């Protein structure tokens, strides 16, 4: 648990435990920017226990990388991870959350996220796909922001979190599906952001994944499980 987070409060992010047992939280957006722009040999110095959330997207990480004069030095044509079989992970609690990774003969990848929280959800059914193009990542995926439901934000503030945020800083979804003092950047921005997270979490594999990946209603924990199963299979 990261410092300052009340025990038992639900946290939806990716946290690394370093060799000295310290924790670095909310790494998924930065990892997504690096993986989306094919950077696999960067050294990152972090001061504090969490990567800054910035505007809730990966764009403010991706743009400086994309325009950097040192970009050719940090991009690395690393050997991709290939699959010899299909992998599927599901949420044991039910609810339909699932990720399937299928072998792919061609170089590259195709990642798709299906967001469908049911007919009563304030977010409509939507989908987003990335096929491994860095320009597409920068323009169409990296600007998509993380989002919260209004009642979740109220609960977080009551728990002493989100003290520095005010309405409009990040997408907060009201009961009718509209945003509190804000507008969506894309019609399917929630699905694009879940795809952004998927790209970042799959970067935990340590190399590009040459596969077709379909994620449905999944979150960080399920992607972590997929990574562990793929890495375990590669050891045998």
Protein backbone atom coordinates (compact mmCIF):
# COMPACT_ATOMS: atom_id res chain seq x y z
CA UNK A 1 0.00 0.00 0.00
CA UNK A 2 1.35 3.41 -0.95
CA UNK A 3 1.93 5.99 1.79
CA UNK A 4 -1.12 8.15 2.49
CA UNK A 5 -3.66 5.64 1.19
CA UNK A 6 -6.16 4.50 3.84
CA UNK A 7 -6.12 0.71 4.48
CA UNK A 8 -8.76 -1.09 2.46
CA UNK A 9 -9.31 1.77 0.01
CA UNK A 10 -9.51 0.42 -3.59
CA UNK A 11 -6.50 1.48 -5.66
CA UNK A 12 -6.54 0.96 -9.41
CA UNK A 13 -2.97 1.37 -10.59
CA UNK A 14 0.29 -0.48 -11.16
CA UNK A 15 2.91 -0.35 -8.41
CA UNK A 16 6.49 -1.64 -8.55
CA UNK A 17 8.37 -2.96 -5.55
CA UNK A 18 12.05 -2.16 -6.02
CA UNK A 19 15.03 -4.19 -4.83
CA UNK A 20 15.29 -2.08 -1.68
CA UNK A 21 11.60 -2.87 -0.91
CA UNK A 22 10.48 0.70 -1.68
CA UNK A 23 7.34 1.21 -3.76
CA UNK A 24 6.79 3.31 -6.89
CA UNK A 25 3.13 3.72 -7.76
CA UNK A 26 1.11 4.69 -10.84
CA UNK A 27 3.80 3.72 -13.33
CA UNK A 28 1.42 2.55 -16.07
CA UNK A 29 1.06 5.84 -17.98
CA UNK A 30 4.82 6.41 -18.21
CA UNK A 31 5.42 2.78 -19.20
CA UNK A 32 2.68 3.11 -21.82
CA UNK A 33 4.37 6.18 -23.35
CA UNK A 34 7.70 4.38 -23.50
CA UNK A 35 6.27 1.17 -24.98
CA UNK A 36 3.98 3.05 -27.37
CA UNK A 37 7.05 4.84 -28.79
CA UNK A 38 9.26 1.71 -28.78
CA UNK A 39 11.63 2.84 -26.03
CA UNK A 40 12.96 -0.18 -24.12
CA UNK A 41 16.28 0.97 -22.66
CA UNK A 42 15.49 4.12 -20.67
CA UNK A 43 16.80 4.84 -17.18
CA UNK A 44 14.23 6.65 -15.03
CA UNK A 45 15.07 8.52 -11.81
CA UNK A 46 12.10 8.93 -9.46
CA UNK A 47 11.88 11.11 -6.37
CA UNK A 48 8.92 10.13 -4.22
CA UNK A 49 6.53 7.20 -4.04
CA UNK A 50 4.46 7.82 -7.15
CA UNK A 51 4.82 8.89 -10.78
CA UNK A 52 2.98 12.24 -11.27
CA UNK A 53 -0.54 11.83 -12.65
CA UNK A 54 -0.24 15.08 -14.67
CA UNK A 55 -3.43 15.42 -16.76
CA UNK A 56 -4.36 11.76 -16.29
CA UNK A 57 -3.09 10.70 -19.73
CA UNK A 58 0.28 9.63 -21.16
CA UNK A 59 0.57 12.56 -23.57
CA UNK A 60 2.78 14.73 -21.35
CA UNK A 61 5.24 11.83 -21.14
CA UNK A 62 4.94 10.79 -24.79
CA UNK A 63 5.39 14.16 -26.49
CA UNK A 64 8.82 14.97 -24.98
CA UNK A 65 9.99 11.45 -25.87
CA UNK A 66 8.60 11.75 -29.40
CA UNK A 67 10.28 15.10 -30.05
CA UNK A 68 13.54 14.39 -28.20
CA UNK A 69 16.76 14.79 -30.18
CA UNK A 70 18.05 11.76 -28.26
CA UNK A 71 15.14 9.60 -29.37
CA UNK A 72 17.24 7.60 -31.83
CA UNK A 73 19.60 6.72 -28.99
CA UNK A 74 16.94 5.42 -26.61
CA UNK A 75 14.83 3.55 -29.15
CA UNK A 76 15.97 -0.04 -29.22
CA UNK A 77 15.10 -2.75 -31.79
CA UNK A 78 14.70 -5.33 -29.04
CA UNK A 79 13.64 -8.88 -29.88
CA UNK A 80 9.88 -9.20 -29.35
CA UNK A 81 8.24 -11.81 -27.15
CA UNK A 82 6.35 -14.36 -29.24
CA UNK A 83 3.73 -16.85 -28.11
CA UNK A 84 3.56 -20.54 -28.99
CA UNK A 85 -0.05 -20.85 -27.79
CA UNK A 86 -3.06 -18.78 -26.80
CA UNK A 87 -3.21 -17.36 -23.28
CA UNK A 88 -6.47 -16.41 -21.57
CA UNK A 89 -6.89 -14.98 -18.08
CA UNK A 90 -10.22 -14.26 -16.42
CA UNK A 91 -11.39 -12.56 -13.25
CA UNK A 92 -12.16 -15.34 -10.78
CA UNK A 93 -14.82 -13.16 -9.14
CA UNK A 94 -16.93 -13.23 -12.31
CA UNK A 95 -18.24 -10.19 -14.10
CA UNK A 96 -16.88 -11.07 -17.52
CA UNK A 97 -13.43 -9.49 -17.26
CA UNK A 98 -11.05 -11.37 -19.56
CA UNK A 99 -7.87 -10.94 -21.60
CA UNK A 100 -6.85 -13.23 -24.47
CA UNK A 101 -3.43 -13.08 -26.14
CA UNK A 102 -3.10 -15.03 -29.40
CA UNK A 103 0.09 -15.92 -31.30
CA UNK A 104 0.87 -13.66 -34.24
CA UNK A 105 3.13 -14.61 -37.16
CA UNK A 106 3.61 -11.07 -38.44
CA UNK A 107 5.83 -8.58 -36.65
CA UNK A 108 3.95 -6.04 -34.55
CA UNK A 109 0.83 -6.32 -32.48
CA UNK A 110 -2.87 -5.61 -32.35
CA UNK A 111 -4.26 -4.62 -28.95
CA UNK A 112 -8.02 -4.12 -28.56
CA UNK A 113 -9.96 -3.05 -25.49
CA UNK A 114 -13.73 -3.61 -25.26
CA UNK A 115 -15.38 -1.49 -22.57
CA UNK A 116 -18.83 -2.80 -21.69
CA UNK A 117 -20.08 -2.39 -18.13
CA UNK A 118 -23.61 -3.51 -18.95
CA UNK A 119 -26.87 -1.81 -19.99
CA UNK A 120 -27.15 0.20 -16.76
CA UNK A 121 -23.67 1.70 -16.92
CA UNK A 122 -23.28 5.47 -17.23
CA UNK A 123 -20.57 4.74 -19.83
CA UNK A 124 -21.82 3.42 -23.15
CA UNK A 125 -20.31 0.35 -24.78
CA UNK A 126 -17.16 1.28 -26.74
CA UNK A 127 -13.94 -0.09 -28.20
CA UNK A 128 -10.41 1.08 -28.97
CA UNK A 129 -7.60 -0.61 -30.93
CA UNK A 130 -3.87 0.01 -31.39
CA UNK A 131 -1.85 -1.77 -34.07
CA UNK A 132 1.64 -0.77 -33.02
CA UNK A 133 2.07 2.51 -34.91
CA UNK A 134 3.91 5.15 -32.88
CA UNK A 135 2.27 8.14 -34.58
CA UNK A 136 -1.14 6.63 -33.91
CA UNK A 137 -0.15 6.06 -30.29
CA UNK A 138 0.95 9.67 -29.82
CA UNK A 139 -2.14 11.24 -31.42
CA UNK A 140 -4.94 8.77 -30.74
CA UNK A 141 -4.03 6.87 -27.57
CA UNK A 142 -1.68 8.90 -25.36
CA UNK A 143 -4.08 11.89 -24.85
CA UNK A 144 -6.84 9.66 -23.38
CA UNK A 145 -7.25 10.43 -19.68
CA UNK A 146 -8.01 8.28 -16.68
CA UNK A 147 -11.54 8.72 -15.39
CA UNK A 148 -13.52 8.20 -12.19
CA UNK A 149 -17.16 7.98 -11.28
CA UNK A 150 -18.46 10.91 -9.26
CA UNK A 151 -19.37 8.75 -6.27
CA UNK A 152 -15.85 7.25 -6.28
CA UNK A 153 -14.32 10.73 -6.15
CA UNK A 154 -16.58 11.72 -3.26
CA UNK A 155 -15.51 8.58 -1.36
CA UNK A 156 -11.85 9.29 -2.12
CA UNK A 157 -12.07 12.85 -0.84
CA UNK A 158 -13.80 11.62 2.31
CA UNK A 159 -10.86 9.25 2.77
CA UNK A 160 -8.45 12.16 2.54
CA UNK A 161 -7.30 11.59 -1.05
CA UNK A 162 -7.38 13.82 -4.16
CA UNK A 163 -6.73 16.89 -1.99
CA UNK A 164 -4.96 18.77 -4.79
CA UNK A 165 -7.63 18.14 -7.41
CA UNK A 166 -10.65 20.23 -8.24
CA UNK A 167 -13.57 19.52 -10.62
CA UNK A 168 -12.37 19.54 -14.23
CA UNK A 169 -8.79 18.47 -13.50
CA UNK A 170 -9.62 14.89 -14.52
CA UNK A 171 -12.74 13.35 -16.11
CA UNK A 172 -15.33 12.71 -13.39
CA UNK A 173 -18.40 10.91 -14.73
CA UNK A 174 -21.80 11.96 -13.41
CA UNK A 175 -24.76 9.60 -13.14
CA UNK A 176 -26.04 10.68 -16.57
CA UNK A 177 -22.70 9.93 -18.28
CA UNK A 178 -21.63 13.56 -18.69
CA UNK A 179 -18.52 15.01 -17.06
CA UNK A 180 -18.19 17.40 -14.13
CA UNK A 181 -16.96 20.71 -15.61
CA UNK A 182 -15.24 18.97 -18.51
CA UNK A 183 -15.73 17.37 -21.96
CA UNK A 184 -14.45 14.12 -23.41
CA UNK A 185 -11.43 14.47 -25.71
CA UNK A 186 -12.68 11.51 -27.78
CA UNK A 187 -16.09 9.92 -28.02
CA UNK A 188 -14.54 6.67 -26.80
CA UNK A 189 -11.96 8.21 -24.47
CA UNK A 190 -12.63 5.73 -21.61
CA UNK A 191 -11.89 2.75 -23.89
CA UNK A 192 -8.81 4.52 -25.28
CA UNK A 193 -7.50 5.11 -21.78
CA UNK A 194 -8.08 1.48 -20.78
CA UNK A 195 -6.11 0.56 -23.91
CA UNK A 196 -3.37 3.00 -22.84
CA UNK A 197 -3.21 1.22 -19.49
CA UNK A 198 -3.10 -2.18 -21.21
CA UNK A 199 -0.11 -1.10 -23.29
CA UNK A 200 1.68 0.17 -20.19
CA UNK A 201 1.00 -2.92 -18.10
CA UNK A 202 2.08 -5.30 -20.89
CA UNK A 203 5.39 -3.39 -20.94
CA UNK A 204 6.11 -5.15 -17.64
CA UNK A 205 7.07 -8.12 -19.83
CA UNK A 206 10.28 -6.22 -20.57
CA UNK A 207 9.98 -6.40 -24.36
CA UNK A 208 7.36 -5.84 -27.07
CA UNK A 209 4.69 -8.54 -27.21
CA UNK A 210 4.16 -9.85 -30.74
CA UNK A 211 0.54 -10.94 -30.34
CA UNK A 212 -3.08 -10.09 -30.91
CA UNK A 213 -4.54 -9.12 -27.55
CA UNK A 214 -8.22 -8.69 -26.77
CA UNK A 215 -9.14 -7.26 -23.36
CA UNK A 216 -12.72 -7.07 -22.12
CA UNK A 217 -13.70 -5.19 -18.95
CA UNK A 218 -10.25 -5.92 -17.54
CA UNK A 219 -8.05 -3.84 -15.28
CA UNK A 220 -4.48 -3.71 -14.04
CA UNK A 221 -4.60 -6.85 -11.90
CA UNK A 222 -5.74 -9.05 -14.77
CA UNK A 223 -3.04 -7.72 -17.10
CA UNK A 224 -0.46 -8.39 -14.37
CA UNK A 225 -1.74 -11.98 -14.22
CA UNK A 226 -1.38 -12.35 -17.99
CA UNK A 227 2.20 -11.05 -17.84
CA UNK A 228 3.11 -13.52 -15.10
CA UNK A 229 1.63 -16.46 -17.04
CA UNK A 230 3.50 -15.50 -20.21
CA UNK A 231 6.80 -15.06 -18.36
CA UNK A 232 6.32 -18.34 -16.48
CA UNK A 233 5.70 -20.20 -19.75
CA UNK A 234 8.91 -18.78 -21.24
CA UNK A 235 10.98 -20.33 -18.42
CA UNK A 236 9.98 -23.87 -19.42
